[in-house]
Amino acid sequence: MTFIKTIPKEEAQSPLKELYQEIEDTIGFNKIPNAFISSSIDTEITRWVWQGVKSIMLRDSSIDRSLKEAIALVVSKNNSCSYCVEAHNMMLKAIGYDSKKIEELNKDYQSSSLSEKEKAVLDLSLKVTNESYKITEKDHENLRKHGMTDQQILEVISVASFFNFINRFVDALGTDLEIV
């Protein structure tokens, strides 16, 4: 499952056991995603990753969950993170995202039926991923032209940045995709 030792759910002791239970209860699967198990030998790191998921992906916020998942997928695809690509394809399906749009996100979102606003968000997300040092006020203004607020722009950048971390985290640990 990973290149390092992990602690499966059935062997977890407190406080990891309670953290696993919180993750299970919150995401609604009867399985702990391997992205969390992969760091389980250090409960504080696992808790920190989980807090990031809750704060950035799962809370009600100024941008829609499906847009967050689309960002996660496009960034992960760009970074060649097969774990996250598959996981976020599954998450988009689970939240009822249109299967045609999922396919388009995986191929070429610029030639897709996505709105111009969604394309602009994904463009900025890839710029965060590949050339964050080149982001200027014009990039922010472009999203504002599409009706996005500063809070929404902050969240887009947060999701893209978080998935750049998560992609590298699960890949470097050798995390395999779980069967759900």
Protein backbone atom coordinates (compact mmCIF):
# COMPACT_ATOMS: atom_id res chain seq x y z
CA MET A 1 0.00 0.00 0.00
CA THR A 2 2.87 2.42 0.76
CA PHE A 3 6.64 2.42 0.91
CA ILE A 4 6.53 2.92 4.69
CA LYS A 5 4.81 1.16 7.56
CA THR A 6 1.14 2.01 8.06
CA ILE A 7 -1.47 1.26 10.69
CA PRO A 8 -4.67 -0.25 9.30
CA LYS A 9 -8.02 0.58 10.87
CA GLU A 10 -8.31 -2.76 12.67
CA GLU A 11 -4.93 -2.21 14.41
CA ALA A 12 -5.38 1.48 15.28
CA GLN A 13 -5.17 2.56 18.90
CA SER A 14 -6.22 5.87 20.46
CA PRO A 15 -5.97 8.63 19.29
CA LEU A 16 -5.60 7.27 15.70
CA LYS A 17 -8.62 5.01 16.19
CA GLU A 18 -10.85 8.01 16.96
CA LEU A 19 -9.41 9.97 14.05
CA TYR A 20 -10.16 7.10 11.69
CA GLN A 21 -13.70 6.97 13.05
CA GLU A 22 -14.15 10.71 12.47
CA ILE A 23 -12.89 10.36 8.90
CA GLU A 24 -15.22 7.43 8.23
CA ASP A 25 -18.21 9.20 9.79
CA THR A 26 -17.57 12.41 7.86
CA ILE A 27 -16.92 11.01 4.39
CA GLY A 28 -19.57 8.30 4.62
CA PHE A 29 -17.49 5.37 3.36
CA ASN A 30 -16.97 2.24 5.40
CA LYS A 31 -13.30 2.49 4.57
CA ILE A 32 -10.52 4.90 5.43
CA PRO A 33 -9.00 6.34 2.25
CA ASN A 34 -5.39 5.27 1.82
CA ALA A 35 -4.36 8.93 1.59
CA PHE A 36 -4.88 9.01 5.39
CA ILE A 37 -3.61 5.53 6.16
CA SER A 38 -0.38 6.30 4.32
CA SER A 39 0.71 8.70 7.10
CA SER A 40 -0.80 6.76 9.99
CA ILE A 41 2.47 6.10 11.82
CA ASP A 42 2.32 9.78 12.79
CA THR A 43 -1.18 10.61 13.99
CA GLU A 44 -0.46 14.35 14.05
CA ILE A 45 0.45 14.39 10.36
CA THR A 46 -2.64 12.32 9.54
CA ARG A 47 -4.77 14.73 11.61
CA TRP A 48 -3.19 17.72 9.84
CA VAL A 49 -3.95 16.24 6.38
CA TRP A 50 -7.52 15.45 7.50
CA GLN A 51 -7.97 18.99 8.82
CA GLY A 52 -6.85 20.30 5.43
CA VAL A 53 -9.43 18.14 3.65
CA LYS A 54 -12.16 19.31 6.02
CA SER A 55 -11.19 22.99 5.82
CA ILE A 56 -10.56 23.18 2.09
CA MET A 57 -12.76 20.52 0.49
CA LEU A 58 -15.62 19.52 2.76
CA ARG A 59 -16.91 22.63 4.49
CA ASP A 60 -19.66 24.76 3.05
CA SER A 61 -17.90 27.70 1.50
CA SER A 62 -18.07 30.32 -1.20
CA ILE A 63 -17.38 27.88 -4.04
CA ASP A 64 -19.31 24.76 -4.90
CA ARG A 65 -17.98 21.33 -3.93
CA SER A 66 -18.12 20.16 -7.54
CA LEU A 67 -15.84 23.03 -8.59
CA LYS A 68 -13.40 22.09 -5.81
CA GLU A 69 -13.41 18.48 -7.02
CA ALA A 70 -12.89 19.63 -10.62
CA ILE A 71 -9.87 21.67 -9.51
CA ALA A 72 -8.53 18.65 -7.59
CA LEU A 73 -8.95 16.45 -10.67
CA VAL A 74 -7.37 18.85 -13.17
CA VAL A 75 -4.42 19.66 -10.88
CA SER A 76 -3.91 15.95 -10.12
CA LYS A 77 -4.06 15.04 -13.80
CA ASN A 78 -1.50 17.75 -14.56
CA ASN A 79 0.76 16.34 -11.83
CA SER A 80 0.29 12.73 -13.05
CA CYS A 81 -1.00 11.65 -9.64
CA SER A 82 -2.95 8.51 -10.54
CA TYR A 83 -4.21 8.05 -6.96
CA CYS A 84 -5.80 11.52 -6.87
CA VAL A 85 -7.07 11.39 -10.46
CA GLU A 86 -8.97 8.19 -9.75
CA ALA A 87 -10.10 9.32 -6.30
CA HIS A 88 -11.51 12.60 -7.62
CA ASN A 89 -13.13 10.97 -10.62
CA MET A 90 -14.93 8.78 -8.05
CA MET A 91 -15.76 11.78 -5.85
CA LEU A 92 -17.23 13.73 -8.76
CA LYS A 93 -19.40 10.73 -9.65
CA ALA A 94 -20.42 10.29 -6.00
CA ILE A 95 -21.61 13.90 -5.73
CA GLY A 96 -23.61 13.59 -8.95
CA TYR A 97 -21.37 15.52 -11.35
CA ASP A 98 -22.28 15.00 -15.01
CA SER A 99 -20.30 12.04 -16.42
CA LYS A 100 -19.74 13.87 -19.74
CA LYS A 101 -18.12 16.76 -17.86
CA ILE A 102 -15.94 14.32 -15.88
CA GLU A 103 -14.72 12.86 -19.17
CA GLU A 104 -14.05 16.35 -20.51
CA LEU A 105 -12.06 17.26 -17.38
CA ASN A 106 -9.90 14.20 -17.98
CA LYS A 107 -9.27 15.02 -21.65
CA ASP A 108 -9.26 18.72 -22.50
CA TYR A 109 -11.37 20.99 -20.35
CA GLN A 110 -10.64 23.97 -22.64
CA SER A 111 -12.56 22.28 -25.47
CA SER A 112 -15.36 21.19 -23.15
CA SER A 113 -18.90 22.25 -22.35
CA LEU A 114 -17.73 23.83 -19.10
CA SER A 115 -18.62 27.47 -18.60
CA GLU A 116 -16.06 30.17 -19.34
CA LYS A 117 -15.95 30.87 -15.60
CA GLU A 118 -15.11 27.22 -14.83
CA LYS A 119 -12.42 27.21 -17.53
CA ALA A 120 -10.92 30.39 -16.08
CA VAL A 121 -10.86 28.82 -12.61
CA LEU A 122 -9.13 25.72 -13.95
CA ASP A 123 -6.66 27.86 -15.91
CA LEU A 124 -5.70 29.73 -12.73
CA SER A 125 -5.47 26.43 -10.84
CA LEU A 126 -2.97 25.13 -13.39
CA LYS A 127 -1.04 28.39 -13.24
CA VAL A 128 -0.85 27.97 -9.44
CA THR A 129 0.46 24.46 -10.12
CA ASN A 130 2.98 25.21 -12.85
CA GLU A 131 3.90 28.88 -12.61
CA SER A 132 2.63 30.41 -9.38
CA TYR A 133 5.49 32.90 -9.44
CA LYS A 134 4.01 34.36 -12.65
CA ILE A 135 0.56 35.07 -11.20
CA THR A 136 -0.31 38.75 -11.31
CA GLU A 137 -3.22 40.99 -10.48
CA LYS A 138 -4.45 40.39 -14.06
CA ASP A 139 -5.03 36.73 -13.23
CA HIS A 140 -7.19 37.76 -10.27
CA GLU A 141 -8.98 40.36 -12.39
CA ASN A 142 -9.79 37.69 -14.95
CA LEU A 143 -11.69 35.71 -12.30
CA ARG A 144 -13.38 38.87 -11.04
CA LYS A 145 -14.61 39.48 -14.62
CA HIS A 146 -16.38 36.14 -14.30
CA GLY A 147 -18.10 37.31 -11.12
CA MET A 148 -15.77 35.74 -8.59
CA THR A 149 -15.15 37.41 -5.26
CA ASP A 150 -11.82 37.68 -3.50
CA GLN A 151 -13.00 34.98 -1.06
CA GLN A 152 -13.71 32.65 -3.98
CA ILE A 153 -10.34 33.41 -5.57
CA LEU A 154 -8.66 32.61 -2.24
CA GLU A 155 -10.49 29.29 -2.12
CA VAL A 156 -9.58 28.39 -5.71
CA ILE A 157 -5.91 29.04 -4.93
CA SER A 158 -6.22 27.09 -1.67
CA VAL A 159 -7.70 24.03 -3.39
CA ALA A 160 -5.08 24.07 -6.15
CA SER A 161 -2.25 24.53 -3.65
CA PHE A 162 -3.58 21.83 -1.34
CA PHE A 163 -3.72 19.33 -4.19
CA ASN A 164 -0.20 20.13 -5.25
CA PHE A 165 0.78 19.07 -1.72
CA ILE A 166 -1.51 16.02 -1.63
CA ASN A 167 -0.35 14.81 -5.08
CA ARG A 168 3.25 14.87 -3.97
CA PHE A 169 2.42 13.42 -0.55
CA VAL A 170 0.58 10.31 -1.80
CA ASP A 171 2.98 9.75 -4.72
CA ALA A 172 6.11 10.04 -2.56
CA LEU A 173 4.61 7.62 -0.01
CA GLY A 174 3.63 5.12 -2.72
CA THR A 175 -0.06 5.26 -1.84
CA ASP A 176 -2.25 2.82 -3.76
CA LEU A 177 -5.85 3.56 -4.59
CA GLU A 178 -8.26 1.71 -2.37
CA ILE A 179 -11.15 -0.27 -3.78
CA VAL A 180 -14.38 1.38 -2.58
